Amino acid sequence: SIFSISAMAWYRQAPGKQRELVAVITSGA
């Protein structure tokens, strides 16, 4: 219920590699 006031992010992980941040969007877009 707090989606609109939360930042959101996309990460990705390839086999044998560390998870990495792809993109972030803040509550203010």
mmCIF file of all heavy atoms, coordinates in Angstrom:
data_MODEL
# 
_entry.id   MODEL 
# 
loop_
_atom_site.group_PDB 
_atom_site.id 
_atom_site.type_symbol 
_atom_site.label_atom_id 
_atom_site.label_alt_id 
_atom_site.label_comp_id 
_atom_site.label_asym_id 
_atom_site.label_entity_id 
_atom_site.label_seq_id 
_atom_site.pdbx_PDB_ins_code 
_atom_site.Cartn_x 
_atom_site.Cartn_y 
_atom_site.Cartn_z 
_atom_site.occupancy 
_atom_site.B_iso_or_equiv 
_atom_site.pdbx_formal_charge 
_atom_site.auth_seq_id 
_atom_site.auth_comp_id 
_atom_site.auth_asym_id 
_atom_site.auth_atom_id 
_atom_site.pdbx_PDB_model_num 
ATOM 1   N N   . SER A 1 1  ? 0.795  -1.224  0.000   1.00 0.00 ? 1  SER A N   1 
ATOM 2   C CA  . SER A 1 1  ? 0.000  0.000   0.000   1.00 0.00 ? 1  SER A CA  1 
ATOM 3   C C   . SER A 1 1  ? 0.831  1.279   0.000   1.00 0.00 ? 1  SER A C   1 
ATOM 4   O O   . SER A 1 1  ? 0.264  2.371   0.015   1.00 0.00 ? 1  SER A O   1 
ATOM 5   C CB  . SER A 1 1  ? -0.942 0.005   1.204   1.00 0.00 ? 1  SER A CB  1 
ATOM 6   O OG  . SER A 1 1  ? -0.218 -0.040  2.419   1.00 0.00 ? 1  SER A OG  1 
ATOM 7   N N   . ILE A 1 2  ? 2.150  1.159   -0.022  1.00 0.00 ? 2  ILE A N   1 
ATOM 8   C CA  . ILE A 1 2  ? 3.009  2.334   0.024   1.00 0.00 ? 2  ILE A CA  1 
ATOM 9   C C   . ILE A 1 2  ? 3.828  2.504   -1.248  1.00 0.00 ? 2  ILE A C   1 
ATOM 10  O O   . ILE A 1 2  ? 4.857  3.177   -1.252  1.00 0.00 ? 2  ILE A O   1 
ATOM 11  C CB  . ILE A 1 2  ? 3.952  2.299   1.245   1.00 0.00 ? 2  ILE A CB  1 
ATOM 12  C CG1 . ILE A 1 2  ? 4.863  1.072   1.190   1.00 0.00 ? 2  ILE A CG1 1 
ATOM 13  C CG2 . ILE A 1 2  ? 3.153  2.327   2.535   1.00 0.00 ? 2  ILE A CG2 1 
ATOM 14  C CD1 . ILE A 1 2  ? 5.973  1.111   2.215   1.00 0.00 ? 2  ILE A CD1 1 
ATOM 15  N N   . PHE A 1 3  ? 3.365  1.912   -2.330  1.00 0.00 ? 3  PHE A N   1 
ATOM 16  C CA  . PHE A 1 3  ? 4.108  1.965   -3.583  1.00 0.00 ? 3  PHE A CA  1 
ATOM 17  C C   . PHE A 1 3  ? 4.400  3.395   -4.018  1.00 0.00 ? 3  PHE A C   1 
ATOM 18  O O   . PHE A 1 3  ? 5.517  3.716   -4.433  1.00 0.00 ? 3  PHE A O   1 
ATOM 19  C CB  . PHE A 1 3  ? 3.329  1.243   -4.682  1.00 0.00 ? 3  PHE A CB  1 
ATOM 20  C CG  . PHE A 1 3  ? 3.997  1.282   -6.027  1.00 0.00 ? 3  PHE A CG  1 
ATOM 21  C CD1 . PHE A 1 3  ? 4.954  0.341   -6.365  1.00 0.00 ? 3  PHE A CD1 1 
ATOM 22  C CD2 . PHE A 1 3  ? 3.671  2.264   -6.944  1.00 0.00 ? 3  PHE A CD2 1 
ATOM 23  C CE1 . PHE A 1 3  ? 5.577  0.375   -7.603  1.00 0.00 ? 3  PHE A CE1 1 
ATOM 24  C CE2 . PHE A 1 3  ? 4.281  2.312   -8.190  1.00 0.00 ? 3  PHE A CE2 1 
ATOM 25  C CZ  . PHE A 1 3  ? 5.240  1.358   -8.516  1.00 0.00 ? 3  PHE A CZ  1 
ATOM 26  N N   . SER A 1 4  ? 3.411  4.261   -3.928  1.00 0.00 ? 4  SER A N   1 
ATOM 27  C CA  . SER A 1 4  ? 3.532  5.613   -4.459  1.00 0.00 ? 4  SER A CA  1 
ATOM 28  C C   . SER A 1 4  ? 4.567  6.464   -3.739  1.00 0.00 ? 4  SER A C   1 
ATOM 29  O O   . SER A 1 4  ? 5.040  7.456   -4.303  1.00 0.00 ? 4  SER A O   1 
ATOM 30  C CB  . SER A 1 4  ? 2.178  6.325   -4.430  1.00 0.00 ? 4  SER A CB  1 
ATOM 31  O OG  . SER A 1 4  ? 1.733  6.503   -3.101  1.00 0.00 ? 4  SER A OG  1 
ATOM 32  N N   . ILE A 1 5  ? 4.943  6.095   -2.519  1.00 0.00 ? 5  ILE A N   1 
ATOM 33  C CA  . ILE A 1 5  ? 5.925  6.871   -1.772  1.00 0.00 ? 5  ILE A CA  1 
ATOM 34  C C   . ILE A 1 5  ? 7.254  6.131   -1.621  1.00 0.00 ? 5  ILE A C   1 
ATOM 35  O O   . ILE A 1 5  ? 8.099  6.525   -0.822  1.00 0.00 ? 5  ILE A O   1 
ATOM 36  C CB  . ILE A 1 5  ? 5.397  7.269   -0.378  1.00 0.00 ? 5  ILE A CB  1 
ATOM 37  C CG1 . ILE A 1 5  ? 5.030  6.044   0.449   1.00 0.00 ? 5  ILE A CG1 1 
ATOM 38  C CG2 . ILE A 1 5  ? 4.193  8.202   -0.518  1.00 0.00 ? 5  ILE A CG2 1 
ATOM 39  C CD1 . ILE A 1 5  ? 4.687  6.375   1.895   1.00 0.00 ? 5  ILE A CD1 1 
ATOM 40  N N   . SER A 1 6  ? 7.425  5.084   -2.390  1.00 0.00 ? 6  SER A N   1 
ATOM 41  C CA  . SER A 1 6  ? 8.633  4.280   -2.321  1.00 0.00 ? 6  SER A CA  1 
ATOM 42  C C   . SER A 1 6  ? 9.431  4.371   -3.616  1.00 0.00 ? 6  SER A C   1 
ATOM 43  O O   . SER A 1 6  ? 8.870  4.374   -4.706  1.00 0.00 ? 6  SER A O   1 
ATOM 44  C CB  . SER A 1 6  ? 8.278  2.825   -2.046  1.00 0.00 ? 6  SER A CB  1 
ATOM 45  O OG  . SER A 1 6  ? 9.432  2.010   -2.038  1.00 0.00 ? 6  SER A OG  1 
ATOM 46  N N   . ALA A 1 7  ? 10.748 4.430   -3.477  1.00 0.00 ? 7  ALA A N   1 
ATOM 47  C CA  . ALA A 1 7  ? 11.600 4.236   -4.636  1.00 0.00 ? 7  ALA A CA  1 
ATOM 48  C C   . ALA A 1 7  ? 11.484 2.786   -5.097  1.00 0.00 ? 7  ALA A C   1 
ATOM 49  O O   . ALA A 1 7  ? 11.170 1.895   -4.305  1.00 0.00 ? 7  ALA A O   1 
ATOM 50  C CB  . ALA A 1 7  ? 13.047 4.559   -4.289  1.00 0.00 ? 7  ALA A CB  1 
ATOM 51  N N   . MET A 1 8  ? 11.720 2.550   -6.369  1.00 0.00 ? 8  MET A N   1 
ATOM 52  C CA  . MET A 1 8  ? 11.700 1.203   -6.924  1.00 0.00 ? 8  MET A CA  1 
ATOM 53  C C   . MET A 1 8  ? 12.941 1.016   -7.780  1.00 0.00 ? 8  MET A C   1 
ATOM 54  O O   . MET A 1 8  ? 13.487 1.973   -8.330  1.00 0.00 ? 8  MET A O   1 
ATOM 55  C CB  . MET A 1 8  ? 10.449 0.968   -7.768  1.00 0.00 ? 8  MET A CB  1 
ATOM 56  C CG  . MET A 1 8  ? 9.134  1.060   -7.004  1.00 0.00 ? 8  MET A CG  1 
ATOM 57  S SD  . MET A 1 8  ? 8.930  -0.254  -5.763  1.00 0.00 ? 8  MET A SD  1 
ATOM 58  C CE  . MET A 1 8  ? 8.881  -1.716  -6.804  1.00 0.00 ? 8  MET A CE  1 
ATOM 59  N N   . ALA A 1 9  ? 13.382 -0.227  -7.897  1.00 0.00 ? 9  ALA A N   1 
ATOM 60  C CA  . ALA A 1 9  ? 14.609 -0.505  -8.632  1.00 0.00 ? 9  ALA A CA  1 
ATOM 61  C C   . ALA A 1 9  ? 14.524 -1.813  -9.393  1.00 0.00 ? 9  ALA A C   1 
ATOM 62  O O   . ALA A 1 9  ? 13.743 -2.709  -9.048  1.00 0.00 ? 9  ALA A O   1 
ATOM 63  C CB  . ALA A 1 9  ? 15.802 -0.550  -7.675  1.00 0.00 ? 9  ALA A CB  1 
ATOM 64  N N   . TRP A 1 10 ? 15.325 -1.905  -10.434 1.00 0.00 ? 10 TRP A N   1 
ATOM 65  C CA  . TRP A 1 10 ? 15.540 -3.145  -11.166 1.00 0.00 ? 10 TRP A CA  1 
ATOM 66  C C   . TRP A 1 10 ? 16.994 -3.562  -11.010 1.00 0.00 ? 10 TRP A C   1 
ATOM 67  O O   . TRP A 1 10 ? 17.901 -2.743  -11.187 1.00 0.00 ? 10 TRP A O   1 
ATOM 68  C CB  . TRP A 1 10 ? 15.220 -2.997  -12.654 1.00 0.00 ? 10 TRP A CB  1 
ATOM 69  C CG  . TRP A 1 10 ? 13.761 -2.923  -12.968 1.00 0.00 ? 10 TRP A CG  1 
ATOM 70  C CD1 . TRP A 1 10 ? 13.016 -1.804  -13.153 1.00 0.00 ? 10 TRP A CD1 1 
ATOM 71  C CD2 . TRP A 1 10 ? 12.883 -4.036  -13.157 1.00 0.00 ? 10 TRP A CD2 1 
ATOM 72  N NE1 . TRP A 1 10 ? 11.717 -2.138  -13.443 1.00 0.00 ? 10 TRP A NE1 1 
ATOM 73  C CE2 . TRP A 1 10 ? 11.604 -3.507  -13.452 1.00 0.00 ? 10 TRP A CE2 1 
ATOM 74  C CE3 . TRP A 1 10 ? 13.039 -5.425  -13.106 1.00 0.00 ? 10 TRP A CE3 1 
ATOM 75  C CZ2 . TRP A 1 10 ? 10.491 -4.312  -13.694 1.00 0.00 ? 10 TRP A CZ2 1 
ATOM 76  C CZ3 . TRP A 1 10 ? 11.934 -6.224  -13.339 1.00 0.00 ? 10 TRP A CZ3 1 
ATOM 77  C CH2 . TRP A 1 10 ? 10.688 -5.672  -13.628 1.00 0.00 ? 10 TRP A CH2 1 
ATOM 78  N N   . TYR A 1 11 ? 17.203 -4.823  -10.670 1.00 0.00 ? 11 TYR A N   1 
ATOM 79  C CA  . TYR A 1 11 ? 18.520 -5.434  -10.610 1.00 0.00 ? 11 TYR A CA  1 
ATOM 80  C C   . TYR A 1 11 ? 18.574 -6.584  -11.605 1.00 0.00 ? 11 TYR A C   1 
ATOM 81  O O   . TYR A 1 11 ? 17.539 -7.060  -12.082 1.00 0.00 ? 11 TYR A O   1 
ATOM 82  C CB  . TYR A 1 11 ? 18.808 -5.988  -9.216  1.00 0.00 ? 11 TYR A CB  1 
ATOM 83  C CG  . TYR A 1 11 ? 19.093 -4.964  -8.141  1.00 0.00 ? 11 TYR A CG  1 
ATOM 84  C CD1 . TYR A 1 11 ? 18.067 -4.242  -7.544  1.00 0.00 ? 11 TYR A CD1 1 
ATOM 85  C CD2 . TYR A 1 11 ? 20.394 -4.743  -7.700  1.00 0.00 ? 11 TYR A CD2 1 
ATOM 86  C CE1 . TYR A 1 11 ? 18.324 -3.317  -6.545  1.00 0.00 ? 11 TYR A CE1 1 
ATOM 87  C CE2 . TYR A 1 11 ? 20.663 -3.826  -6.702  1.00 0.00 ? 11 TYR A CE2 1 
ATOM 88  C CZ  . TYR A 1 11 ? 19.628 -3.118  -6.124  1.00 0.00 ? 11 TYR A CZ  1 
ATOM 89  O OH  . TYR A 1 11 ? 19.893 -2.206  -5.122  1.00 0.00 ? 11 TYR A OH  1 
ATOM 90  N N   . ARG A 1 12 ? 19.780 -7.048  -11.882 1.00 0.00 ? 12 ARG A N   1 
ATOM 91  C CA  . ARG A 1 12 ? 19.913 -8.242  -12.701 1.00 0.00 ? 12 ARG A CA  1 
ATOM 92  C C   . ARG A 1 12 ? 21.098 -9.066  -12.212 1.00 0.00 ? 12 ARG A C   1 
ATOM 93  O O   . ARG A 1 12 ? 22.032 -8.547  -11.613 1.00 0.00 ? 12 ARG A O   1 
ATOM 94  C CB  . ARG A 1 12 ? 20.077 -7.903  -14.185 1.00 0.00 ? 12 ARG A CB  1 
ATOM 95  C CG  . ARG A 1 12 ? 21.375 -7.203  -14.545 1.00 0.00 ? 12 ARG A CG  1 
ATOM 96  C CD  . ARG A 1 12 ? 21.358 -6.808  -16.015 1.00 0.00 ? 12 ARG A CD  1 
ATOM 97  N NE  . ARG A 1 12 ? 22.598 -6.158  -16.425 1.00 0.00 ? 12 ARG A NE  1 
ATOM 98  C CZ  . ARG A 1 12 ? 22.789 -5.611  -17.616 1.00 0.00 ? 12 ARG A CZ  1 
ATOM 99  N NH1 . ARG A 1 12 ? 21.813 -5.631  -18.530 1.00 0.00 ? 12 ARG A NH1 1 
ATOM 100 N NH2 . ARG A 1 12 ? 23.951 -5.042  -17.905 1.00 0.00 ? 12 ARG A NH2 1 
ATOM 101 N N   . GLN A 1 13 ? 21.036 -10.359 -12.483 1.00 0.00 ? 13 GLN A N   1 
ATOM 102 C CA  . GLN A 1 13 ? 22.114 -11.257 -12.109 1.00 0.00 ? 13 GLN A CA  1 
ATOM 103 C C   . GLN A 1 13 ? 22.290 -12.319 -13.179 1.00 0.00 ? 13 GLN A C   1 
ATOM 104 O O   . GLN A 1 13 ? 21.361 -13.060 -13.492 1.00 0.00 ? 13 GLN A O   1 
ATOM 105 C CB  . GLN A 1 13 ? 21.846 -11.914 -10.757 1.00 0.00 ? 13 GLN A CB  1 
ATOM 106 C CG  . GLN A 1 13 ? 23.013 -12.743 -10.241 1.00 0.00 ? 13 GLN A CG  1 
ATOM 107 C CD  . GLN A 1 13 ? 22.864 -13.117 -8.785  1.00 0.00 ? 13 GLN A CD  1 
ATOM 108 O OE1 . GLN A 1 13 ? 21.754 -13.155 -8.252  1.00 0.00 ? 13 GLN A OE1 1 
ATOM 109 N NE2 . GLN A 1 13 ? 23.975 -13.384 -8.129  1.00 0.00 ? 13 GLN A NE2 1 
ATOM 110 N N   . ALA A 1 14 ? 23.480 -12.369 -13.735 1.00 0.00 ? 14 ALA A N   1 
ATOM 111 C CA  . ALA A 1 14 ? 23.838 -13.387 -14.706 1.00 0.00 ? 14 ALA A CA  1 
ATOM 112 C C   . ALA A 1 14 ? 24.548 -14.525 -13.985 1.00 0.00 ? 14 ALA A C   1 
ATOM 113 O O   . ALA A 1 14 ? 25.140 -14.322 -12.925 1.00 0.00 ? 14 ALA A O   1 
ATOM 114 C CB  . ALA A 1 14 ? 24.734 -12.798 -15.786 1.00 0.00 ? 14 ALA A CB  1 
ATOM 115 N N   . PRO A 1 15 ? 24.518 -15.739 -14.546 1.00 0.00 ? 15 PRO A N   1 
ATOM 116 C CA  . PRO A 1 15 ? 25.188 -16.874 -13.912 1.00 0.00 ? 15 PRO A CA  1 
ATOM 117 C C   . PRO A 1 15 ? 26.662 -16.584 -13.647 1.00 0.00 ? 15 PRO A C   1 
ATOM 118 O O   . PRO A 1 15 ? 27.379 -16.109 -14.526 1.00 0.00 ? 15 PRO A O   1 
ATOM 119 C CB  . PRO A 1 15 ? 25.022 -17.999 -14.935 1.00 0.00 ? 15 PRO A CB  1 
ATOM 120 C CG  . PRO A 1 15 ? 23.773 -17.639 -15.671 1.00 0.00 ? 15 PRO A CG  1 
ATOM 121 C CD  . PRO A 1 15 ? 23.814 -16.146 -15.777 1.00 0.00 ? 15 PRO A CD  1 
ATOM 122 N N   . GLY A 1 16 ? 27.108 -16.865 -12.421 1.00 0.00 ? 16 GLY A N   1 
ATOM 123 C CA  . GLY A 1 16 ? 28.491 -16.662 -12.056 1.00 0.00 ? 16 GLY A CA  1 
ATOM 124 C C   . GLY A 1 16 ? 28.884 -15.228 -11.785 1.00 0.00 ? 16 GLY A C   1 
ATOM 125 O O   . GLY A 1 16 ? 30.062 -14.958 -11.543 1.00 0.00 ? 16 GLY A O   1 
ATOM 126 N N   . LYS A 1 17 ? 27.927 -14.321 -11.825 1.00 0.00 ? 17 LYS A N   1 
ATOM 127 C CA  . LYS A 1 17 ? 28.221 -12.916 -11.592 1.00 0.00 ? 17 LYS A CA  1 
ATOM 128 C C   . LYS A 1 17 ? 27.407 -12.381 -10.424 1.00 0.00 ? 17 LYS A C   1 
ATOM 129 O O   . LYS A 1 17 ? 26.392 -12.951 -10.045 1.00 0.00 ? 17 LYS A O   1 
ATOM 130 C CB  . LYS A 1 17 ? 27.939 -12.089 -12.847 1.00 0.00 ? 17 LYS A CB  1 
ATOM 131 C CG  . LYS A 1 17 ? 28.817 -12.438 -14.036 1.00 0.00 ? 17 LYS A CG  1 
ATOM 132 C CD  . LYS A 1 17 ? 28.584 -11.493 -15.196 1.00 0.00 ? 17 LYS A CD  1 
ATOM 133 C CE  . LYS A 1 17 ? 29.503 -11.796 -16.354 1.00 0.00 ? 17 LYS A CE  1 
ATOM 134 N NZ  . LYS A 1 17 ? 29.289 -10.856 -17.485 1.00 0.00 ? 17 LYS A NZ  1 
ATOM 135 N N   . GLN A 1 18 ? 27.879 -11.279 -9.865  1.00 0.00 ? 18 GLN A N   1 
ATOM 136 C CA  . GLN A 1 18 ? 27.170 -10.640 -8.771  1.00 0.00 ? 18 GLN A CA  1 
ATOM 137 C C   . GLN A 1 18 ? 25.932 -9.909  -9.281  1.00 0.00 ? 18 GLN A C   1 
ATOM 138 O O   . GLN A 1 18 ? 25.869 -9.482  -10.435 1.00 0.00 ? 18 GLN A O   1 
ATOM 139 C CB  . GLN A 1 18 ? 28.083 -9.656  -8.041  1.00 0.00 ? 18 GLN A CB  1 
ATOM 140 C CG  . GLN A 1 18 ? 29.224 -10.294 -7.279  1.00 0.00 ? 18 GLN A CG  1 
ATOM 141 C CD  . GLN A 1 18 ? 29.969 -9.297  -6.416  1.00 0.00 ? 18 GLN A CD  1 
ATOM 142 O OE1 . GLN A 1 18 ? 29.818 -8.089  -6.555  1.00 0.00 ? 18 GLN A OE1 1 
ATOM 143 N NE2 . GLN A 1 18 ? 30.782 -9.810  -5.510  1.00 0.00 ? 18 GLN A NE2 1 
ATOM 144 N N   . ARG A 1 19 ? 24.966 -9.788  -8.404  1.00 0.00 ? 19 ARG A N   1 
ATOM 145 C CA  . ARG A 1 19 ? 23.789 -8.997  -8.711  1.00 0.00 ? 19 ARG A CA  1 
ATOM 146 C C   . ARG A 1 19 ? 24.205 -7.544  -8.906  1.00 0.00 ? 19 ARG A C   1 
ATOM 147 O O   . ARG A 1 19 ? 25.028 -7.019  -8.148  1.00 0.00 ? 19 ARG A O   1 
ATOM 148 C CB  . ARG A 1 19 ? 22.783 -9.106  -7.565  1.00 0.00 ? 19 ARG A CB  1 
ATOM 149 C CG  . ARG A 1 19 ? 21.484 -8.336  -7.779  1.00 0.00 ? 19 ARG A CG  1 
ATOM 150 C CD  . ARG A 1 19 ? 20.622 -8.406  -6.527  1.00 0.00 ? 19 ARG A CD  1 
ATOM 151 N NE  . ARG A 1 19 ? 21.262 -7.735  -5.399  1.00 0.00 ? 19 ARG A NE  1 
ATOM 152 C CZ  . ARG A 1 19 ? 20.821 -7.768  -4.147  1.00 0.00 ? 19 ARG A CZ  1 
ATOM 153 N NH1 . ARG A 1 19 ? 19.729 -8.465  -3.851  1.00 0.00 ? 19 ARG A NH1 1 
ATOM 154 N NH2 . ARG A 1 19 ? 21.467 -7.112  -3.188  1.00 0.00 ? 19 ARG A NH2 1 
ATOM 155 N N   . GLU A 1 20 ? 23.650 -6.897  -9.911  1.00 0.00 ? 20 GLU A N   1 
ATOM 156 C CA  . GLU A 1 20 ? 23.981 -5.511  -10.164 1.00 0.00 ? 20 GLU A CA  1 
ATOM 157 C C   . GLU A 1 20 ? 22.729 -4.668  -10.342 1.00 0.00 ? 20 GLU A C   1 
ATOM 158 O O   . GLU A 1 20 ? 21.716 -5.123  -10.869 1.00 0.00 ? 20 GLU A O   1 
ATOM 159 C CB  . GLU A 1 20 ? 24.881 -5.374  -11.400 1.00 0.00 ? 20 GLU A CB  1 
ATOM 160 C CG  . GLU A 1 20 ? 24.236 -5.792  -12.703 1.00 0.00 ? 20 GLU A CG  1 
ATOM 161 C CD  . GLU A 1 20 ? 25.114 -5.520  -13.914 1.00 0.00 ? 20 GLU A CD  1 
ATOM 162 O OE1 . GLU A 1 20 ? 26.095 -4.756  -13.792 1.00 0.00 ? 20 GLU A OE1 1 
ATOM 163 O OE2 . GLU A 1 20 ? 24.824 -6.072  -14.991 1.00 0.00 ? 20 GLU A OE2 1 
ATOM 164 N N   . LEU A 1 21 ? 22.827 -3.442  -9.910  1.00 0.00 ? 21 LEU A N   1 
ATOM 165 C CA  . LEU A 1 21 ? 21.733 -2.492  -10.055 1.00 0.00 ? 21 LEU A CA  1 
ATOM 166 C C   . LEU A 1 21 ? 21.658 -2.025  -11.501 1.00 0.00 ? 21 LEU A C   1 
ATOM 167 O O   . LEU A 1 21 ? 22.666 -1.622  -12.081 1.00 0.00 ? 21 LEU A O   1 
ATOM 168 C CB  . LEU A 1 21 ? 21.942 -1.302  -9.122  1.00 0.00 ? 21 LEU A CB  1 
ATOM 169 C CG  . LEU A 1 21 ? 20.882 -0.204  -9.139  1.00 0.00 ? 21 LEU A CG  1 
ATOM 170 C CD1 . LEU A 1 21 ? 19.542 -0.743  -8.652  1.00 0.00 ? 21 LEU A CD1 1 
ATOM 171 C CD2 . LEU A 1 21 ? 21.328 0.968   -8.270  1.00 0.00 ? 21 LEU A CD2 1 
ATOM 172 N N   . VAL A 1 22 ? 20.467 -2.062  -12.067 1.00 0.00 ? 22 VAL A N   1 
ATOM 173 C CA  . VAL A 1 22 ? 20.250 -1.638  -13.441 1.00 0.00 ? 22 VAL A CA  1 
ATOM 174 C C   . VAL A 1 22 ? 19.673 -0.229  -13.497 1.00 0.00 ? 22 VAL A C   1 
ATOM 175 O O   . VAL A 1 22 ? 20.158 0.625   -14.244 1.00 0.00 ? 22 VAL A O   1 
ATOM 176 C CB  . VAL A 1 22 ? 19.318 -2.605  -14.192 1.00 0.00 ? 22 VAL A CB  1 
ATOM 177 C CG1 . VAL A 1 22 ? 19.030 -2.109  -15.607 1.00 0.00 ? 22 VAL A CG1 1 
ATOM 178 C CG2 . VAL A 1 22 ? 19.932 -4.000  -14.228 1.00 0.00 ? 22 VAL A CG2 1 
ATOM 179 N N   . ALA A 1 23 ? 18.623 0.010   -12.717 1.00 0.00 ? 23 ALA A N   1 
ATOM 180 C CA  . ALA A 1 23 ? 17.946 1.300   -12.760 1.00 0.00 ? 23 ALA A CA  1 
ATOM 181 C C   . ALA A 1 23 ? 17.173 1.537   -11.476 1.00 0.00 ? 23 ALA A C   1 
ATOM 182 O O   . ALA A 1 23 ? 16.734 0.597   -10.821 1.00 0.00 ? 23 ALA A O   1 
ATOM 183 C CB  . ALA A 1 23 ? 16.999 1.375   -13.957 1.00 0.00 ? 23 ALA A CB  1 
ATOM 184 N N   . VAL A 1 24 ? 17.010 2.810   -11.135 1.00 0.00 ? 24 VAL A N   1 
ATOM 185 C CA  . VAL A 1 24 ? 16.252 3.215   -9.954  1.00 0.00 ? 24 VAL A CA  1 
ATOM 186 C C   . VAL A 1 24 ? 15.315 4.343   -10.344 1.00 0.00 ? 24 VAL A C   1 
ATOM 187 O O   . VAL A 1 24 ? 15.677 5.215   -11.146 1.00 0.00 ? 24 VAL A O   1 
ATOM 188 C CB  . VAL A 1 24 ? 17.177 3.697   -8.819  1.00 0.00 ? 24 VAL A CB  1 
ATOM 189 C CG1 . VAL A 1 24 ? 16.356 4.216   -7.641  1.00 0.00 ? 24 VAL A CG1 1 
ATOM 190 C CG2 . VAL A 1 24 ? 18.100 2.581   -8.362  1.00 0.00 ? 24 VAL A CG2 1 
ATOM 191 N N   . ILE A 1 25 ? 14.121 4.329   -9.771  1.00 0.00 ? 25 ILE A N   1 
ATOM 192 C CA  . ILE A 1 25 ? 13.207 5.450   -9.923  1.00 0.00 ? 25 ILE A CA  1 
ATOM 193 C C   . ILE A 1 25 ? 12.705 5.832   -8.542  1.00 0.00 ? 25 ILE A C   1 
ATOM 194 O O   . ILE A 1 25 ? 12.278 4.985   -7.764  1.00 0.00 ? 25 ILE A O   1 
ATOM 195 C CB  . ILE A 1 25 ? 12.045 5.123   -10.893 1.00 0.00 ? 25 ILE A CB  1 
ATOM 196 C CG1 . ILE A 1 25 ? 11.177 6.363   -11.120 1.00 0.00 ? 25 ILE A CG1 1 
ATOM 197 C CG2 . ILE A 1 25 ? 11.224 3.936   -10.404 1.00 0.00 ? 25 ILE A CG2 1 
ATOM 198 C CD1 . ILE A 1 25 ? 10.239 6.228   -12.313 1.00 0.00 ? 25 ILE A CD1 1 
ATOM 199 N N   . THR A 1 26 ? 12.786 7.118   -8.214  1.00 0.00 ? 26 THR A N   1 
ATOM 200 C CA  . THR A 1 26 ? 12.357 7.595   -6.907  1.00 0.00 ? 26 THR A CA  1 
ATOM 201 C C   . THR A 1 26 ? 10.856 7.802   -6.880  1.00 0.00 ? 26 THR A C   1 
ATOM 202 O O   . THR A 1 26 ? 10.171 7.708   -7.896  1.00 0.00 ? 26 THR A O   1 
ATOM 203 C CB  . THR A 1 26 ? 13.051 8.915   -6.545  1.00 0.00 ? 26 THR A CB  1 
ATOM 204 O OG1 . THR A 1 26 ? 12.548 9.955   -7.389  1.00 0.00 ? 26 THR A OG1 1 
ATOM 205 C CG2 . THR A 1 26 ? 14.561 8.810   -6.713  1.00 0.00 ? 26 THR A CG2 1 
ATOM 206 N N   . SER A 1 27 ? 10.340 8.103   -5.691  1.00 0.00 ? 27 SER A N   1 
ATOM 207 C CA  . SER A 1 27 ? 8.917  8.390   -5.571  1.00 0.00 ? 27 SER A CA  1 
ATOM 208 C C   . SER A 1 27 ? 8.527  9.620   -6.378  1.00 0.00 ? 27 SER A C   1 
ATOM 209 O O   . SER A 1 27 ? 7.372  9.743   -6.795  1.00 0.00 ? 27 SER A O   1 
ATOM 210 C CB  . SER A 1 27 ? 8.530  8.589   -4.098  1.00 0.00 ? 27 SER A CB  1 
ATOM 211 O OG  . SER A 1 27 ? 9.241  9.667   -3.527  1.00 0.00 ? 27 SER A OG  1 
ATOM 212 N N   . GLY A 1 28 ? 9.481  10.515  -6.597  1.00 0.00 ? 28 GLY A N   1 
ATOM 213 C CA  . GLY A 1 28 ? 9.245  11.702  -7.404  1.00 0.00 ? 28 GLY A CA  1 
ATOM 214 C C   . GLY A 1 28 ? 9.537  11.501  -8.878  1.00 0.00 ? 28 GLY A C   1 
ATOM 215 O O   . GLY A 1 28 ? 9.512  12.461  -9.645  1.00 0.00 ? 28 GLY A O   1 
ATOM 216 N N   . ALA A 1 29 ? 9.856  10.262  -9.262  1.00 0.00 ? 29 ALA A N   1 
ATOM 217 C CA  . ALA A 1 29 ? 10.078 9.861   -10.654 1.00 0.00 ? 29 ALA A CA  1 
ATOM 218 C C   . ALA A 1 29 ? 11.435 10.279  -11.217 1.00 0.00 ? 29 ALA A C   1 
ATOM 219 O O   . ALA A 1 29 ? 11.634 10.241  -12.431 1.00 0.00 ? 29 ALA A O   1 
ATOM 220 C CB  . ALA A 1 29 ? 8.947  10.354  -11.560 1.00 0.00 ? 29 ALA A CB  1 
# 
